[in-house]
Amino acid sequence: MVGAVCAVLLTVLTGCASKDPDEGTNGVGRLSADKIEDRARKAAEAAGSVRLSGSVVSEGRTYRLDMRLSGDGGLGEVAAKGGSRFELLRVDDDLYLKANAEFWGRQGEGDEEPSETDLAAARKLEGKYVKVPPGDPAYEQLSGFTDKDVLLDGLLNLQGERETGDRGEVEGVRTIEVRAAGGAGGVLSVALIGKPYPLRLERGGDAGVVQLTEWDKEFALRAPQKDQIVDYGKKISAAE
């Protein structure tokens, strides 16, 4: 009897000790860090859409993003810490900017306080979608926030020698880390379940943290109603 119990116990312990941590996963956990990163990039490029949210530090300024992106355009909100906040919508090449009166009132030249005339004009734009002409300097700057390829190419950019890091979870999905320069060059968390999408990125140099979710999930992307559009047909002031 004792011998039988010991045999069963030994079997259980041996089974636990030999359990494969990658059982039931997509298998990328068995790969080198470089190959995991490559698989994640390819999965991201092939995806039709993604939701990107979090903070990005650029040229000393912190921006909070919440953007839905696809191959045809994107929509969402951009907010500068302690500054402006606005919504963007791009459908193919047509880019629209929506903001409050305070934002528009401060789009004049220089640092002067807006005049009553400026504020009155700004109030007329509040809640409207202002079409940004392709020739305006703001177009290239703002459209980048709505371009899936541009944003992902810029963000999924680790610096330094790669190594695999901890296993964990992002939004309930099991992940494995790719760490660059011991984490100083960025940390990318890649899905171990389903397609190996990048799910979270800690940018190197404390340059922000973003989450990438809702991969390949369709969302409505359509131009605003005509009565909601303001089209000057000329340049507008660039968003600061």
Protein backbone atom coordinates (compact mmCIF):
# COMPACT_ATOMS: atom_id res chain seq x y z
CA MET A 1 0.00 0.00 0.00
CA VAL A 2 2.75 2.41 0.99
CA GLY A 3 4.67 1.46 -2.12
CA ALA A 4 1.66 2.18 -4.33
CA VAL A 5 1.13 5.60 -2.77
CA CYS A 6 4.81 6.46 -3.23
CA ALA A 7 4.66 5.37 -6.86
CA VAL A 8 1.64 7.59 -7.55
CA LEU A 9 3.24 10.53 -5.74
CA LEU A 10 6.48 10.08 -7.68
CA THR A 11 4.54 10.07 -10.95
CA VAL A 12 2.73 13.29 -10.03
CA LEU A 13 5.94 15.04 -8.99
CA THR A 14 7.80 13.89 -12.07
CA GLY A 15 4.94 15.02 -14.28
CA CYS A 16 4.89 18.48 -12.69
CA ALA A 17 8.64 18.87 -13.00
CA SER A 18 8.67 18.05 -16.70
CA LYS A 19 5.69 20.17 -17.74
CA ASP A 20 6.47 22.21 -20.85
CA PRO A 21 5.91 25.96 -20.15
CA ASP A 22 5.13 26.44 -23.86
CA GLU A 23 2.45 23.77 -23.99
CA GLY A 24 -0.70 25.24 -25.52
CA THR A 25 1.08 28.37 -26.78
CA ASN A 26 2.03 29.53 -30.27
CA GLY A 27 5.58 28.34 -29.65
CA VAL A 28 7.45 31.64 -29.92
CA GLY A 29 8.61 31.24 -26.31
CA ARG A 30 11.03 28.59 -27.54
CA LEU A 31 12.69 31.01 -29.97
CA SER A 32 15.56 33.44 -29.50
CA ALA A 33 14.76 37.04 -28.61
CA ASP A 34 15.64 38.26 -32.12
CA LYS A 35 13.31 35.72 -33.71
CA ILE A 36 10.48 36.54 -31.30
CA GLU A 37 10.82 40.22 -32.19
CA ASP A 38 10.84 39.38 -35.90
CA ARG A 39 7.68 37.26 -35.56
CA ALA A 40 5.98 40.08 -33.65
CA ARG A 41 6.86 42.65 -36.31
CA LYS A 42 5.58 40.43 -39.11
CA ALA A 43 2.33 39.76 -37.24
CA ALA A 44 1.85 43.50 -36.69
CA GLU A 45 2.52 44.32 -40.34
CA ALA A 46 0.07 41.68 -41.54
CA ALA A 47 -2.75 42.75 -39.21
CA GLY A 48 -5.53 44.82 -40.71
CA SER A 49 -6.07 46.99 -37.64
CA VAL A 50 -4.97 47.72 -34.09
CA ARG A 51 -5.78 49.97 -31.14
CA LEU A 52 -2.81 51.87 -29.74
CA SER A 53 -3.07 53.62 -26.39
CA GLY A 54 -0.67 55.01 -23.83
CA SER A 55 1.95 57.71 -23.50
CA VAL A 56 4.76 58.74 -25.82
CA VAL A 57 7.55 61.20 -25.01
CA SER A 58 8.87 63.11 -28.02
CA GLU A 59 11.24 66.09 -27.96
CA GLY A 60 10.66 66.52 -24.25
CA ARG A 61 6.87 66.58 -24.50
CA THR A 62 4.54 63.84 -23.31
CA TYR A 63 1.58 62.88 -25.47
CA ARG A 64 -1.27 60.57 -24.55
CA LEU A 65 -2.64 58.60 -27.47
CA ASP A 66 -5.74 56.51 -27.95
CA MET A 67 -5.91 55.66 -31.64
CA ARG A 68 -7.63 52.99 -33.72
CA LEU A 69 -5.64 52.33 -36.87
CA SER A 70 -6.16 50.44 -40.10
CA GLY A 71 -4.72 50.42 -43.59
CA ASP A 72 -7.33 52.97 -44.70
CA GLY A 73 -6.80 55.51 -41.95
CA GLY A 74 -7.44 55.98 -38.27
CA LEU A 75 -9.35 57.81 -35.58
CA GLY A 76 -8.85 58.74 -31.97
CA GLU A 77 -7.56 61.32 -29.54
CA VAL A 78 -4.19 62.96 -28.92
CA ALA A 79 -3.50 65.00 -25.79
CA ALA A 80 -0.33 66.87 -24.93
CA LYS A 81 0.45 66.92 -21.20
CA GLY A 82 -0.49 70.32 -19.85
CA GLY A 83 -1.48 71.48 -23.32
CA SER A 84 -3.78 70.89 -26.21
CA ARG A 85 -6.17 68.01 -26.76
CA PHE A 86 -7.77 67.14 -30.07
CA GLU A 87 -9.38 64.36 -32.06
CA LEU A 88 -8.15 63.10 -35.42
CA LEU A 89 -9.95 61.25 -38.17
CA ARG A 90 -8.37 60.17 -41.44
CA VAL A 91 -10.24 58.31 -44.17
CA ASP A 92 -7.83 57.47 -46.99
CA ASP A 93 -6.14 60.83 -47.74
CA ASP A 94 -8.80 63.02 -46.11
CA LEU A 95 -7.69 64.23 -42.68
CA TYR A 96 -9.97 65.96 -40.17
CA LEU A 97 -9.16 67.71 -36.91
CA LYS A 98 -11.73 68.26 -34.16
CA ALA A 99 -11.03 70.37 -31.08
CA ASN A 100 -12.60 72.76 -28.59
CA ALA A 101 -12.72 76.54 -28.81
CA GLU A 102 -9.73 76.98 -26.51
CA PHE A 103 -7.56 74.94 -28.87
CA TRP A 104 -8.58 76.94 -31.93
CA GLY A 105 -8.28 80.23 -30.10
CA ARG A 106 -4.59 79.56 -29.51
CA GLN A 107 -3.69 78.70 -33.08
CA GLY A 108 -2.67 82.24 -33.99
CA GLU A 109 0.91 83.35 -34.46
CA GLY A 110 3.14 84.03 -31.47
CA ASP A 111 2.44 83.65 -27.77
CA GLU A 112 -0.07 86.48 -27.47
CA GLU A 113 -3.39 85.87 -25.79
CA PRO A 114 -6.19 85.38 -28.31
CA SER A 115 -8.32 88.42 -29.05
CA GLU A 116 -12.10 88.48 -28.74
CA THR A 117 -12.26 88.19 -32.52
CA ASP A 118 -10.06 85.09 -32.39
CA LEU A 119 -12.20 83.55 -29.65
CA ALA A 120 -15.42 84.28 -31.51
CA ALA A 121 -14.05 82.57 -34.62
CA ALA A 122 -12.80 79.67 -32.50
CA ARG A 123 -16.22 79.11 -30.97
CA LYS A 124 -17.63 78.57 -34.45
CA LEU A 125 -15.16 75.71 -34.97
CA GLU A 126 -15.86 73.96 -31.68
CA GLY A 127 -17.24 70.49 -32.29
CA LYS A 128 -16.64 70.72 -36.04
CA TYR A 129 -14.33 68.59 -38.15
CA VAL A 130 -11.85 70.93 -39.79
CA LYS A 131 -10.42 69.40 -42.95
CA VAL A 132 -6.64 69.66 -43.07
CA PRO A 133 -5.42 70.29 -46.63
CA PRO A 134 -2.58 68.00 -47.81
CA GLY A 135 -0.45 71.07 -48.57
CA ASP A 136 -0.63 72.39 -45.02
CA PRO A 137 2.47 71.85 -42.86
CA ALA A 138 0.20 70.35 -40.20
CA TYR A 139 -0.95 67.56 -42.52
CA GLU A 140 2.21 65.48 -42.41
CA GLN A 141 2.61 66.01 -38.66
CA LEU A 142 -0.96 65.10 -37.76
CA SER A 143 -1.56 62.35 -40.31
CA GLY A 144 1.33 60.39 -38.80
CA PHE A 145 -0.82 59.82 -35.71
CA THR A 146 -3.40 58.09 -37.92
CA ASP A 147 -1.00 55.96 -39.98
CA LYS A 148 -0.66 52.38 -38.73
CA ASP A 149 2.62 51.70 -40.52
CA VAL A 150 4.24 54.99 -39.52
CA LEU A 151 3.31 54.65 -35.85
CA LEU A 152 4.29 51.00 -35.53
CA ASP A 153 7.59 51.48 -37.39
CA GLY A 154 8.46 54.31 -35.04
CA LEU A 155 7.35 52.62 -31.83
CA LEU A 156 8.48 49.01 -32.36
CA ASN A 157 12.09 50.06 -32.34
CA LEU A 158 14.21 48.52 -29.61
CA GLN A 159 17.81 49.64 -29.11
CA GLY A 160 20.58 47.30 -28.00
CA GLU A 161 21.30 43.61 -27.65
CA ARG A 162 18.17 41.51 -27.29
CA GLU A 163 17.40 38.84 -24.72
CA THR A 164 14.26 37.09 -23.57
CA GLY A 165 12.79 38.34 -20.32
CA ASP A 166 9.93 37.47 -18.00
CA ARG A 167 6.72 35.71 -18.89
CA GLY A 168 3.55 37.43 -17.83
CA GLU A 169 0.15 38.61 -19.03
CA VAL A 170 -1.24 41.62 -20.85
CA GLU A 171 -5.02 42.01 -20.81
CA GLY A 172 -5.32 38.35 -19.81
CA VAL A 173 -3.12 37.06 -22.65
CA ARG A 174 0.07 35.18 -21.77
CA THR A 175 3.21 36.96 -22.98
CA ILE A 176 6.97 36.77 -23.13
CA GLU A 177 9.28 39.77 -23.02
CA VAL A 178 11.97 40.79 -25.47
CA ARG A 179 14.36 43.06 -23.58
CA ALA A 180 16.91 45.32 -25.28
CA ALA A 181 20.07 46.41 -23.47
CA GLY A 182 18.79 44.83 -20.28
CA GLY A 183 15.57 46.82 -20.55
CA ALA A 184 17.19 50.23 -21.00
CA GLY A 185 16.63 50.00 -24.76
CA GLY A 186 12.99 48.99 -24.44
CA VAL A 187 10.87 46.00 -23.42
CA LEU A 188 8.41 44.39 -25.82
CA SER A 189 5.76 41.95 -24.54
CA VAL A 190 4.72 39.46 -27.23
CA ALA A 191 1.61 37.26 -27.18
CA LEU A 192 2.14 33.55 -26.50
CA ILE A 193 -1.46 32.72 -27.38
CA GLY A 194 -2.77 33.03 -30.93
CA LYS A 195 -0.77 35.17 -33.30
CA PRO A 196 2.44 36.60 -31.78
CA TYR A 197 1.25 40.18 -31.73
CA PRO A 198 3.18 42.82 -29.77
CA LEU A 199 0.86 43.71 -26.88
CA ARG A 200 2.84 46.14 -24.75
CA LEU A 201 5.92 48.28 -25.25
CA GLU A 202 8.00 50.07 -22.66
CA ARG A 203 10.07 52.48 -24.73
CA GLY A 204 13.72 52.93 -23.92
CA GLY A 205 14.90 56.02 -22.06
CA ASP A 206 11.60 56.43 -20.20
CA ALA A 207 10.02 57.53 -23.48
CA GLY A 208 6.59 56.16 -22.66
CA VAL A 209 4.53 52.98 -22.42
CA VAL A 210 1.96 51.89 -25.00
CA GLN A 211 -0.46 48.99 -25.26
CA LEU A 212 -1.45 47.44 -28.57
CA THR A 213 -4.80 45.68 -28.43
CA GLU A 214 -7.80 44.75 -30.58
CA TRP A 215 -5.58 43.41 -33.36
CA ASP A 216 -7.52 42.72 -36.58
CA LYS A 217 -10.75 43.92 -34.97
CA GLU A 218 -12.90 45.87 -37.43
CA PHE A 219 -14.11 49.36 -36.55
CA ALA A 220 -16.20 51.97 -38.35
CA LEU A 221 -14.12 54.46 -40.33
CA ARG A 222 -16.15 56.97 -42.30
CA ALA A 223 -16.04 60.66 -43.14
CA PRO A 224 -18.11 63.06 -41.01
CA GLN A 225 -21.48 64.34 -42.17
CA LYS A 226 -21.12 67.32 -44.53
CA ASP A 227 -22.77 69.71 -42.08
CA GLN A 228 -20.07 68.82 -39.52
CA ILE A 229 -17.15 69.64 -41.84
CA VAL A 230 -15.37 72.97 -42.16
CA ASP A 231 -13.23 73.10 -45.30
CA TYR A 232 -11.22 76.28 -45.83
CA GLY A 233 -9.45 74.87 -48.85
CA LYS A 234 -6.22 76.47 -47.66
CA LYS A 235 -3.68 76.17 -44.89
CA ILE A 236 -4.63 76.01 -41.23
CA SER A 237 -2.31 76.57 -38.28
CA ALA A 238 -0.32 73.53 -37.19
CA ALA A 239 -1.32 71.95 -33.89
CA GLU A 240 1.16 72.75 -31.16
